[in-house]
N, C-alpha and C. Protein backbone atom coordinates (compact mmCIF):
# COMPACT_ATOMS: atom_id res chain seq x y z
N UNK A 1 -26.12 83.11 -15.26
CA UNK A 1 -25.26 81.95 -14.96
C UNK A 1 -25.16 80.81 -16.35
N UNK A 2 -24.00 80.31 -15.66
CA UNK A 2 -23.24 79.69 -16.58
C UNK A 2 -23.09 78.25 -16.08
N UNK A 3 -23.53 77.34 -17.82
CA UNK A 3 -23.53 75.75 -16.89
C UNK A 3 -22.42 75.08 -17.91
N UNK A 4 -22.04 73.86 -16.99
CA UNK A 4 -20.70 73.51 -17.28
C UNK A 4 -21.34 71.82 -17.49
N UNK A 5 -21.41 71.49 -18.54
CA UNK A 5 -21.40 69.58 -19.29
C UNK A 5 -20.43 68.84 -18.55
N UNK A 6 -20.53 68.07 -17.84
CA UNK A 6 -19.06 67.86 -17.37
C UNK A 6 -19.02 66.07 -17.76
N UNK A 7 -19.70 65.78 -18.64
CA UNK A 7 -19.86 64.75 -19.19
C UNK A 7 -18.93 64.53 -20.34
N UNK A 8 -18.04 63.30 -20.43
CA UNK A 8 -17.02 63.53 -21.29
C UNK A 8 -17.36 63.27 -22.71
N UNK A 9 -18.67 62.36 -22.91
CA UNK A 9 -19.55 62.41 -24.38
C UNK A 9 -19.33 63.70 -25.16
N UNK A 10 -20.33 64.30 -24.03
CA UNK A 10 -21.02 65.79 -24.08
C UNK A 10 -20.10 66.83 -24.09
N UNK A 11 -18.93 66.78 -24.19
CA UNK A 11 -17.72 67.55 -24.27
C UNK A 11 -17.16 67.14 -25.35
N UNK A 12 -17.20 66.19 -25.93
CA UNK A 12 -16.58 65.60 -27.43
C UNK A 12 -17.09 66.29 -28.38
N UNK A 13 -18.20 67.04 -28.42
CA UNK A 13 -18.83 67.64 -29.32
C UNK A 13 -18.50 69.45 -29.40
N UNK A 14 -17.44 69.41 -27.66
CA UNK A 14 -17.24 71.35 -27.74
C UNK A 14 -17.00 71.52 -29.01
N UNK A 15 -16.71 72.59 -29.29
CA UNK A 15 -15.76 73.46 -30.59
C UNK A 15 -14.00 73.49 -30.19
N UNK A 16 -14.07 73.44 -28.89
CA UNK A 16 -12.49 73.57 -28.60
C UNK A 16 -11.73 71.98 -29.11
N UNK A 17 -10.68 72.07 -30.09
CA UNK A 17 -10.28 70.27 -30.51
C UNK A 17 -9.52 69.88 -29.28
N UNK A 18 -8.28 70.97 -28.62
CA UNK A 18 -8.31 70.46 -26.94
C UNK A 18 -8.78 69.49 -26.21
N UNK A 19 -9.90 70.42 -25.91
CA UNK A 19 -10.62 69.69 -25.12
C UNK A 19 -11.33 68.64 -25.07
N UNK A 20 -11.76 68.55 -26.62
CA UNK A 20 -12.36 67.07 -27.08
C UNK A 20 -11.61 65.97 -26.92
N UNK A 21 -10.17 66.43 -26.87
CA UNK A 21 -9.41 65.90 -27.40
C UNK A 21 -8.79 65.22 -25.16
N UNK A 22 -8.77 65.93 -24.89
CA UNK A 22 -8.54 65.66 -23.45
C UNK A 22 -10.20 64.58 -22.78
N UNK A 23 -10.87 65.43 -23.31
CA UNK A 23 -11.98 64.21 -22.85
C UNK A 23 -12.09 63.36 -22.59
N UNK A 24 -12.09 63.09 -24.78
CA UNK A 24 -11.92 61.52 -24.99
C UNK A 24 -10.81 60.82 -24.09
N UNK A 25 -10.02 61.09 -23.92
CA UNK A 25 -8.65 59.92 -22.69
C UNK A 25 -9.09 59.93 -21.66
N UNK A 26 -10.38 60.97 -21.12
CA UNK A 26 -10.11 60.97 -19.41
C UNK A 26 -11.48 60.18 -19.61
N UNK A 27 -11.49 59.27 -18.81
CA UNK A 27 -13.21 58.45 -18.10
C UNK A 27 -13.50 59.32 -16.98
N UNK A 28 -14.61 59.36 -17.11
CA UNK A 28 -15.05 59.51 -15.69
C UNK A 28 -14.87 58.94 -14.82
N UNK A 29 -14.84 59.68 -13.42
CA UNK A 29 -14.31 59.01 -12.09
C UNK A 29 -15.38 58.03 -11.59
N UNK A 30 -16.86 57.39 -12.23
CA UNK A 30 -17.78 56.33 -11.41
C UNK A 30 -17.15 55.38 -12.35
N UNK A 31 -16.65 55.48 -14.18
CA UNK A 31 -16.06 54.43 -15.16
C UNK A 31 -15.35 53.92 -14.38
N UNK A 32 -14.23 55.00 -13.80
CA UNK A 32 -12.37 54.55 -13.24
C UNK A 32 -13.09 53.38 -12.12
N UNK A 33 -14.16 54.24 -11.41
CA UNK A 33 -13.85 53.49 -9.83
C UNK A 33 -15.03 51.81 -10.27
N UNK A 34 -15.71 51.98 -10.73
CA UNK A 34 -16.31 50.37 -11.71
C UNK A 34 -15.10 49.47 -12.35
N UNK A 35 -14.00 49.80 -13.49
CA UNK A 35 -13.00 49.73 -13.78
C UNK A 35 -12.56 48.90 -12.48
N UNK A 36 -12.12 50.03 -11.47
CA UNK A 36 -11.07 49.30 -10.70
C UNK A 36 -11.57 48.46 -9.98
N UNK A 37 -12.91 48.21 -9.57
CA UNK A 37 -13.69 47.17 -8.69
C UNK A 37 -13.66 45.83 -9.95
N UNK A 38 -13.75 45.80 -10.79
CA UNK A 38 -14.06 44.92 -11.71
C UNK A 38 -12.73 44.07 -11.83
N UNK A 39 -11.87 44.68 -11.29
CA UNK A 39 -10.36 44.34 -11.94
C UNK A 39 -9.84 43.93 -10.36
N UNK A 40 -10.45 44.00 -9.27
CA UNK A 40 -10.38 43.39 -8.14
C UNK A 40 -11.28 42.07 -8.14
N UNK A 41 -12.21 41.87 -7.94
CA UNK A 41 -13.28 41.16 -7.81
C UNK A 41 -12.93 40.29 -8.69
N UNK A 42 -12.15 40.59 -10.06
CA UNK A 42 -11.58 39.64 -11.11
C UNK A 42 -10.35 38.87 -10.65
N UNK A 43 -9.28 39.63 -9.41
CA UNK A 43 -8.10 38.97 -8.54
C UNK A 43 -9.20 38.23 -7.62
N UNK A 44 -10.04 38.50 -7.59
CA UNK A 44 -10.51 37.88 -5.72
C UNK A 44 -10.89 36.61 -6.53
N UNK A 45 -11.88 36.50 -8.37
CA UNK A 45 -12.43 35.06 -7.67
C UNK A 45 -11.00 33.97 -8.27
N UNK A 46 -10.01 34.74 -9.25
CA UNK A 46 -8.26 34.30 -9.69
C UNK A 46 -7.91 33.45 -8.26
N UNK A 47 -8.04 34.31 -7.28
CA UNK A 47 -7.49 34.14 -5.87
C UNK A 47 -8.03 32.40 -5.19
N UNK A 48 -9.20 33.14 -5.18
CA UNK A 48 -10.08 32.22 -4.96
C UNK A 48 -9.97 30.71 -5.96
N UNK A 49 -10.15 30.59 -6.50
CA UNK A 49 -9.80 29.54 -7.98
C UNK A 49 -8.86 28.55 -7.80
N UNK A 50 -7.30 29.91 -8.05
CA UNK A 50 -6.31 29.27 -7.14
C UNK A 50 -6.38 28.25 -5.96
N UNK A 51 -7.00 29.41 -5.00
CA UNK A 51 -6.93 28.04 -3.64
C UNK A 51 -8.36 26.78 -3.36
N UNK A 52 -9.30 27.48 -4.34
CA UNK A 52 -9.70 25.60 -4.71
C UNK A 52 -8.85 24.94 -5.71
N UNK A 53 -8.19 25.02 -6.32
CA UNK A 53 -7.07 24.08 -7.05
C UNK A 53 -6.79 23.35 -6.29
N UNK A 54 -5.76 23.90 -5.07
CA UNK A 54 -5.36 23.52 -3.76
C UNK A 54 -5.48 22.70 -2.94
N UNK A 55 -6.92 23.37 -2.54
CA UNK A 55 -7.42 22.17 -2.08
C UNK A 55 -7.95 21.19 -2.11
N UNK A 56 -8.68 20.82 -3.70
CA UNK A 56 -8.69 19.90 -4.48
C UNK A 56 -7.78 19.22 -4.65
N UNK A 57 -6.97 19.59 -4.77
CA UNK A 57 -5.31 18.50 -5.22
C UNK A 57 -4.71 17.70 -3.77
N UNK A 58 -4.83 18.55 -2.27
CA UNK A 58 -4.64 18.13 -1.24
C UNK A 58 -5.51 17.42 -1.39
N UNK A 59 -6.73 17.54 -0.88
CA UNK A 59 -8.07 16.44 -1.28
C UNK A 59 -7.69 15.08 -1.24
N UNK A 60 -7.49 15.02 -3.03
CA UNK A 60 -6.74 13.85 -3.50
C UNK A 60 -5.61 12.94 -3.00
N UNK A 61 -5.12 14.13 -2.70
CA UNK A 61 -3.95 13.34 -1.86
C UNK A 61 -4.07 12.62 -0.76
N UNK A 62 -4.34 13.40 0.21
CA UNK A 62 -5.45 12.96 1.01
C UNK A 62 -6.20 11.49 1.30
N UNK A 63 -7.16 11.51 -0.36
CA UNK A 63 -7.45 10.09 -0.19
C UNK A 63 -6.55 9.07 -0.63
N UNK A 64 -5.73 9.34 -1.38
CA UNK A 64 -4.90 8.33 -1.45
C UNK A 64 -4.02 8.14 -0.79
N UNK A 65 -3.67 8.76 0.60
CA UNK A 65 -2.98 8.42 1.55
C UNK A 65 -3.50 7.77 2.45
N UNK A 66 -5.24 7.98 2.68
CA UNK A 66 -5.57 6.66 3.38
C UNK A 66 -5.89 5.63 2.58
N UNK A 67 -6.22 5.35 1.92
CA UNK A 67 -6.21 4.30 1.19
C UNK A 67 -5.27 3.43 1.16
N UNK A 68 -4.01 3.97 0.15
CA UNK A 68 -2.69 2.88 1.04
C UNK A 68 -2.74 2.73 2.45
N UNK A 69 -2.85 3.55 3.89
CA UNK A 69 -3.09 3.26 5.01
C UNK A 69 -3.77 2.35 5.54
N UNK A 70 -5.31 2.94 4.59
CA UNK A 70 -5.96 1.27 5.16
C UNK A 70 -5.93 0.38 3.91
N UNK A 71 -5.24 0.37 3.20
CA UNK A 71 -4.60 -1.04 2.72
C UNK A 71 -3.70 -1.73 3.20
N UNK A 72 -2.44 -0.92 4.29
CA UNK A 72 -1.80 -1.59 4.81
C UNK A 72 -2.32 -1.99 6.06
N UNK A 73 -3.02 -1.54 6.65
CA UNK A 73 -4.11 -2.16 7.83
C UNK A 73 -5.05 -3.41 7.70
N UNK A 74 -5.23 -3.12 6.56
CA UNK A 74 -5.90 -5.11 6.16
C UNK A 74 -5.19 -5.63 5.90
N UNK A 75 -3.57 -5.83 5.33
CA UNK A 75 -3.32 -6.34 5.16
C UNK A 75 -2.14 -6.77 6.93
N UNK A 76 -1.96 -6.31 7.55
CA UNK A 76 -2.01 -6.10 8.78
C UNK A 76 -2.31 -7.23 9.62
N UNK A 77 -3.92 -7.20 9.13
CA UNK A 77 -4.58 -7.98 9.89
C UNK A 77 -4.54 -9.16 9.54
N UNK A 78 -4.94 -9.03 8.11
CA UNK A 78 -4.97 -10.49 7.10
C UNK A 78 -3.83 -11.22 7.90
N UNK A 79 -2.93 -10.81 7.89
CA UNK A 79 -1.00 -11.66 8.16
C UNK A 79 -1.40 -12.00 9.45
N UNK A 80 -2.13 -10.92 10.25
CA UNK A 80 -2.44 -11.64 11.75
C UNK A 80 -3.64 -12.86 12.19
N UNK A 81 -3.84 -12.53 11.11
CA UNK A 81 -4.92 -13.98 10.99
C UNK A 81 -4.19 -15.40 10.56
N UNK A 82 -3.39 -15.27 9.29
CA UNK A 82 -3.13 -16.13 8.60
C UNK A 82 -1.65 -16.75 9.80
N UNK A 83 -0.79 -16.25 9.82
CA UNK A 83 0.17 -17.13 11.34
C UNK A 83 -0.48 -17.36 12.16
N UNK A 84 -1.70 -17.01 12.66
CA UNK A 84 -2.35 -17.77 14.00
C UNK A 84 -2.79 -19.32 13.18
N UNK A 85 -3.21 -19.17 11.89
CA UNK A 85 -3.97 -20.48 10.85
C UNK A 85 -2.75 -21.35 10.83
N UNK A 86 -1.27 -20.62 10.58
CA UNK A 86 -0.09 -22.00 10.29
C UNK A 86 0.11 -22.14 12.17
N UNK A 87 -0.69 -22.06 12.71
CA UNK A 87 -0.15 -22.98 14.00
C UNK A 87 -0.99 -23.97 13.87
N UNK A 88 -2.19 -23.94 13.41
CA UNK A 88 -2.98 -24.92 13.13
C UNK A 88 -2.55 -26.14 12.01
N UNK A 89 -1.63 -25.59 11.13
CA UNK A 89 -0.58 -25.78 10.19
C UNK A 89 0.25 -27.46 11.14
N UNK A 90 1.05 -26.50 11.58
CA UNK A 90 1.75 -26.68 12.29
C UNK A 90 1.24 -28.32 13.25
N UNK A 91 0.31 -27.80 13.81
CA UNK A 91 -0.38 -29.22 14.68
C UNK A 91 -0.79 -30.39 13.88
N UNK A 92 -1.62 -30.32 12.87
CA UNK A 92 -1.38 -31.42 11.81
C UNK A 92 -0.05 -31.95 11.08
N UNK A 93 0.93 -31.53 11.11
CA UNK A 93 1.86 -31.43 10.55
C UNK A 93 2.87 -32.44 11.98
N UNK A 94 2.43 -32.03 13.13
CA UNK A 94 3.44 -32.80 14.41
C UNK A 94 2.29 -34.16 14.64
N UNK A 95 1.02 -33.92 14.18
CA UNK A 95 -0.38 -35.08 14.77
C UNK A 95 0.47 -36.25 13.60
N UNK A 96 0.65 -35.68 12.33
CA UNK A 96 1.19 -36.59 10.84
C UNK A 96 2.32 -37.35 11.72
N UNK A 97 3.67 -36.51 11.93
CA UNK A 97 4.97 -37.35 12.38
C UNK A 97 4.54 -37.88 13.77
N UNK A 98 4.12 -37.70 14.59
CA UNK A 98 3.83 -38.86 15.55
C UNK A 98 3.21 -40.38 15.30
N UNK A 99 1.84 -39.89 14.12
CA UNK A 99 1.94 -41.54 13.58
C UNK A 99 2.32 -42.11 12.66
N UNK A 100 2.98 -41.52 12.38
CA UNK A 100 4.56 -42.29 11.54
C UNK A 100 4.83 -42.92 13.06
N UNK A 101 5.51 -42.83 13.70
CA UNK A 101 6.22 -43.13 15.44
C UNK A 101 5.44 -44.72 15.16
N UNK A 102 4.08 -44.64 15.24
CA UNK A 102 3.29 -45.64 16.24
C UNK A 102 2.97 -46.62 14.93
N UNK A 103 2.74 -47.59 16.45
CA UNK A 103 2.21 -48.80 15.45
C UNK A 103 1.39 -48.97 14.30
N UNK A 104 1.32 -49.78 13.11
CA UNK A 104 0.75 -50.11 12.26
C UNK A 104 -0.46 -50.86 12.00
N UNK A 105 -0.98 -50.19 12.36
CA UNK A 105 -2.60 -50.98 12.09
C UNK A 105 -3.65 -50.20 11.04
N UNK A 106 -4.42 -50.88 10.84
CA UNK A 106 -5.57 -50.54 10.14
C UNK A 106 -6.21 -48.75 10.20
N UNK A 107 -6.74 -49.28 11.14
CA UNK A 107 -7.18 -48.03 12.09
C UNK A 107 -6.45 -46.43 11.99
N UNK A 108 -4.58 -47.04 12.37
CA UNK A 108 -3.69 -45.91 12.73
C UNK A 108 -3.81 -45.29 10.76
N UNK A 109 -3.65 -46.01 10.13
CA UNK A 109 -2.87 -45.63 8.83
C UNK A 109 -4.56 -45.27 7.83
N UNK A 110 -5.44 -45.06 8.74
CA UNK A 110 -7.06 -44.43 8.10
C UNK A 110 -6.60 -43.18 9.07
N UNK A 111 -6.55 -43.05 10.33
CA UNK A 111 -6.38 -41.85 10.90
C UNK A 111 -5.40 -40.92 10.74
N UNK A 112 -4.12 -41.48 9.88
CA UNK A 112 -3.32 -40.41 9.23
C UNK A 112 -3.55 -40.45 7.91
N UNK A 113 -4.04 -40.66 7.51
CA UNK A 113 -4.84 -40.65 5.67
C UNK A 113 -5.89 -39.51 5.94
N UNK A 114 -6.50 -39.10 6.95
CA UNK A 114 -7.53 -38.42 7.60
C UNK A 114 -7.03 -37.29 7.64
N UNK A 115 -5.59 -37.32 8.39
CA UNK A 115 -5.45 -35.91 9.39
C UNK A 115 -4.38 -35.42 8.09
N UNK A 116 -4.07 -36.44 7.14
CA UNK A 116 -2.91 -35.71 6.18
C UNK A 116 -4.02 -35.23 5.51
N UNK A 117 -5.24 -35.63 4.65
CA UNK A 117 -6.16 -34.93 3.70
C UNK A 117 -6.66 -33.45 4.60
N UNK A 118 -7.17 -33.26 5.59
CA UNK A 118 -6.69 -32.43 6.58
C UNK A 118 -6.48 -31.52 6.13
N UNK A 119 -5.06 -31.70 6.22
CA UNK A 119 -3.93 -30.85 6.13
C UNK A 119 -3.60 -30.15 5.30
N UNK A 120 -3.63 -31.14 4.29
CA UNK A 120 -3.60 -30.50 2.45
C UNK A 120 -4.75 -29.82 2.16
N UNK A 121 -5.96 -30.12 2.39
CA UNK A 121 -7.02 -28.49 2.97
C UNK A 121 -6.50 -28.19 3.37
N UNK A 122 -6.19 -27.93 4.12
CA UNK A 122 -5.49 -26.38 4.78
C UNK A 122 -4.97 -25.78 4.11
N UNK A 123 -3.73 -26.43 3.34
CA UNK A 123 -3.10 -25.59 3.00
C UNK A 123 -3.03 -25.19 1.47
N UNK A 124 -4.14 -26.21 0.91
CA UNK A 124 -4.85 -25.55 -0.03
C UNK A 124 -5.95 -24.12 0.07
N UNK A 125 -6.60 -24.27 0.93
CA UNK A 125 -7.22 -22.47 1.44
C UNK A 125 -6.14 -21.99 1.29
N UNK A 126 -5.07 -22.26 2.20
CA UNK A 126 -3.90 -21.19 2.48
C UNK A 126 -3.57 -20.58 1.38
N UNK A 127 -3.41 -20.66 0.18
CA UNK A 127 -3.06 -20.64 -0.95
C UNK A 127 -4.06 -19.88 -1.70
N UNK A 128 -5.03 -20.33 -1.52
CA UNK A 128 -6.35 -19.52 -2.01
C UNK A 128 -6.04 -17.73 -1.44
N UNK A 129 -5.16 -17.30 -0.31
CA UNK A 129 -4.49 -16.30 0.30
C UNK A 129 -3.22 -16.23 -0.36
N UNK A 130 -2.90 -16.61 -1.21
CA UNK A 130 -1.23 -16.61 -1.98
C UNK A 130 -0.48 -16.85 -0.92
N UNK A 131 -0.59 -17.71 -0.09
CA UNK A 131 0.52 -18.68 1.21
C UNK A 131 0.95 -19.90 0.79
N UNK A 132 2.13 -19.81 0.34
CA UNK A 132 2.98 -20.82 0.35
C UNK A 132 4.35 -21.54 1.00
N UNK A 133 4.03 -22.93 0.84
CA UNK A 133 5.53 -23.28 1.69
C UNK A 133 6.57 -22.81 1.62
N UNK A 134 7.61 -22.59 2.41
CA UNK A 134 8.98 -22.36 1.79
C UNK A 134 9.62 -23.25 1.64
N UNK A 135 10.40 -23.63 0.58
CA UNK A 135 11.03 -25.07 -0.07
C UNK A 135 12.60 -25.07 1.42
N UNK A 136 12.83 -25.73 1.80
CA UNK A 136 13.53 -26.12 2.85
C UNK A 136 14.20 -27.38 2.98
N UNK A 137 14.18 -28.42 3.00
CA UNK A 137 14.61 -29.90 3.16
C UNK A 137 14.86 -30.50 2.16
N UNK A 138 16.59 -29.79 2.20
CA UNK A 138 17.53 -30.55 0.87
C UNK A 138 18.18 -29.42 -0.08
N UNK A 139 17.55 -28.08 1.16
CA UNK A 139 17.49 -27.04 0.09
C UNK A 139 19.16 -26.03 0.79
N UNK A 140 19.50 -25.44 0.48
CA UNK A 140 20.63 -24.46 0.74
C UNK A 140 20.18 -23.61 1.91
N UNK A 141 20.68 -23.19 3.05
CA UNK A 141 20.51 -23.16 4.08
C UNK A 141 19.85 -21.22 4.06
N UNK A 142 19.14 -21.10 2.93
CA UNK A 142 19.74 -19.06 3.41
C UNK A 142 18.92 -18.27 4.55
N UNK A 143 19.72 -17.51 5.10
CA UNK A 143 18.78 -16.73 6.37
C UNK A 143 17.69 -15.88 6.09
N UNK A 144 17.32 -15.45 4.44
CA UNK A 144 16.36 -15.55 4.24
C UNK A 144 15.21 -15.49 4.55
N UNK A 145 15.23 -17.17 4.42
CA UNK A 145 14.20 -17.56 4.42
C UNK A 145 14.04 -18.92 5.68
N UNK A 146 15.25 -18.59 5.86
CA UNK A 146 15.65 -19.57 6.81
C UNK A 146 15.83 -19.54 8.08
N UNK A 147 15.51 -19.76 9.55
CA UNK A 147 15.85 -19.95 10.83
C UNK A 147 16.44 -21.05 11.17
N UNK A 148 17.88 -21.46 11.58
CA UNK A 148 18.35 -21.87 12.11
C UNK A 148 18.41 -22.48 13.68
N UNK A 149 17.75 -23.17 13.74
CA UNK A 149 17.68 -23.37 15.29
C UNK A 149 18.72 -24.56 15.93
N UNK A 150 19.58 -25.17 14.99
CA UNK A 150 20.47 -25.66 15.29
C UNK A 150 21.21 -26.96 14.51
N UNK A 151 22.60 -27.31 14.65
CA UNK A 151 23.08 -27.82 13.35
C UNK A 151 23.39 -29.23 13.56
N UNK A 152 23.55 -30.22 12.82
CA UNK A 152 23.91 -31.31 13.35
C UNK A 152 25.03 -31.32 12.00
N UNK A 153 25.68 -32.97 13.20
CA UNK A 153 27.02 -33.17 11.82
C UNK A 153 26.37 -34.50 11.01
N UNK A 154 26.96 -33.89 9.90
CA UNK A 154 26.73 -34.81 8.51
C UNK A 154 27.97 -35.60 8.24
N UNK A 155 27.87 -37.26 7.76
CA UNK A 155 28.85 -37.26 7.51
C UNK A 155 29.70 -37.46 5.84
N UNK A 156 28.82 -36.12 5.08
CA UNK A 156 28.56 -36.52 3.75
C UNK A 156 28.99 -34.79 3.63
N UNK A 157 29.95 -34.49 2.71
CA UNK A 157 30.24 -33.10 2.83
C UNK A 157 29.76 -32.11 2.26
N UNK A 158 28.60 -32.65 0.92
CA UNK A 158 27.71 -32.47 0.38
C UNK A 158 26.59 -31.75 1.04
N UNK A 159 26.36 -32.46 2.03
CA UNK A 159 25.15 -32.04 2.88
C UNK A 159 25.60 -30.64 3.68
N UNK A 160 26.77 -30.65 3.98
CA UNK A 160 26.95 -29.06 4.85
C UNK A 160 26.55 -27.76 4.13
N UNK A 161 25.96 -27.48 5.42
CA UNK A 161 25.22 -26.19 5.23
C UNK A 161 23.86 -26.21 4.23
N UNK A 162 23.50 -27.56 4.03
CA UNK A 162 22.20 -27.88 3.78
C UNK A 162 21.10 -28.07 4.69
N UNK A 163 20.07 -27.89 4.39
CA UNK A 163 18.86 -28.55 5.55
C UNK A 163 18.80 -29.16 5.48
N UNK A 164 18.44 -30.32 6.37
CA UNK A 164 18.47 -31.68 6.29
C UNK A 164 17.46 -31.68 7.43
N UNK A 165 16.60 -30.83 8.19
CA UNK A 165 15.66 -31.60 9.05
C UNK A 165 14.51 -30.20 9.19
N UNK A 166 13.81 -30.00 9.32
CA UNK A 166 12.81 -28.83 9.51
C UNK A 166 11.75 -29.00 10.94
N UNK A 167 12.14 -28.49 11.44
CA UNK A 167 11.03 -27.63 12.86
C UNK A 167 9.88 -27.73 12.40
N UNK A 168 9.91 -26.09 12.02
CA UNK A 168 8.29 -25.34 11.70
C UNK A 168 8.85 -25.09 10.58
N UNK A 169 7.86 -25.59 9.71
CA UNK A 169 7.43 -24.88 8.48
C UNK A 169 7.65 -23.36 8.11
N UNK A 170 7.76 -23.27 7.42
CA UNK A 170 8.21 -21.56 6.45
C UNK A 170 7.22 -20.89 5.34
N UNK A 171 6.68 -20.04 5.68
CA UNK A 171 5.42 -19.69 4.24
C UNK A 171 5.85 -18.31 3.91
N UNK A 172 5.48 -18.32 3.04
CA UNK A 172 5.96 -16.73 2.33
C UNK A 172 4.25 -16.50 2.06
N UNK A 173 4.06 -14.72 1.46
CA UNK A 173 2.67 -14.69 0.94
C UNK A 173 2.96 -13.79 -0.12
N UNK A 174 2.73 -14.21 -1.06
CA UNK A 174 2.82 -13.21 -2.57
C UNK A 174 4.84 -13.35 -2.65
N UNK A 175 5.24 -12.72 -2.49
CA UNK A 175 6.33 -12.32 -2.39
C UNK A 175 7.82 -12.08 -1.89
N UNK A 176 6.38 -11.90 -0.27
CA UNK A 176 7.41 -11.44 0.76
C UNK A 176 7.44 -12.52 2.20
N UNK A 177 8.25 -12.66 3.27
CA UNK A 177 8.09 -14.24 3.71
C UNK A 177 7.24 -13.68 4.77
N UNK A 178 6.16 -14.54 5.65
CA UNK A 178 5.31 -14.57 6.50
C UNK A 178 6.13 -14.80 7.52
N UNK A 179 6.74 -16.16 7.50
CA UNK A 179 7.33 -16.57 8.87
C UNK A 179 9.02 -17.32 8.07
N UNK A 180 9.67 -17.49 8.82
CA UNK A 180 10.47 -18.14 8.29
C UNK A 180 10.86 -19.56 8.88
N UNK A 181 11.47 -20.86 7.63
CA UNK A 181 11.40 -21.92 8.20
C UNK A 181 12.08 -22.15 9.32
N UNK A 182 11.98 -22.97 10.74
CA UNK A 182 12.44 -23.74 11.57
C UNK A 182 13.28 -24.61 11.12
N UNK A 183 14.76 -23.91 11.07
CA UNK A 183 15.78 -25.97 10.34
C UNK A 183 16.67 -25.81 11.37
N UNK A 184 17.17 -27.80 10.92
CA UNK A 184 18.27 -27.98 11.05
C UNK A 184 19.39 -28.29 9.97
N UNK A 185 20.21 -27.16 10.19
CA UNK A 185 22.03 -26.83 9.32
C UNK A 185 22.49 -28.29 9.12
N UNK A 186 23.22 -28.95 8.07
CA UNK A 186 23.93 -30.03 8.77
C UNK A 186 25.45 -29.33 8.48
N UNK A 187 26.56 -30.32 9.32
CA UNK A 187 27.75 -29.15 9.69
C UNK A 187 28.74 -30.54 9.34
N UNK A 188 29.63 -30.18 8.73
CA UNK A 188 30.55 -30.99 7.67
C UNK A 188 31.64 -30.59 8.83
N UNK A 189 32.09 -31.69 9.73
CA UNK A 189 33.52 -31.77 10.22
C UNK A 189 33.90 -30.16 10.67
């Protein structure tokens, strides 16, 4: 009976030099299988890590997009509330204009002054929201800031194309137009 030792490290001790050389180069099939499994597992780990990085990047992009969309919606809601508040300011302006045309008396002047103070306070509150009036009266007509509701004849040629009356004040919020001013523009000749 003859025993053949198949262990590669045991074969290295054999006397045959070629057999020893060959046995050193070859690994047992179990070791080869384990190395192959290790390489496959390493590839799987790398693929999972790459997928995780992609998912994390995508998640960050979604968070940024949601924040941006939410900020837009908040700003849109803020604008709609402010536009409603502007109607109150318009009514205060109309009340002040109507009082200018009434009889002069102590009660009328006191009421007028009270309404003007309320309007000024309201406009100051709007400024805390970065809402400001659009300069219009005496300014050259600017279609980006003003909405011409009519024209009126003027005798002075310097007033041609200039806002001579305001029907409704215009307002900006920050650098953007919230509502254009409704104006009457002078027309010479």
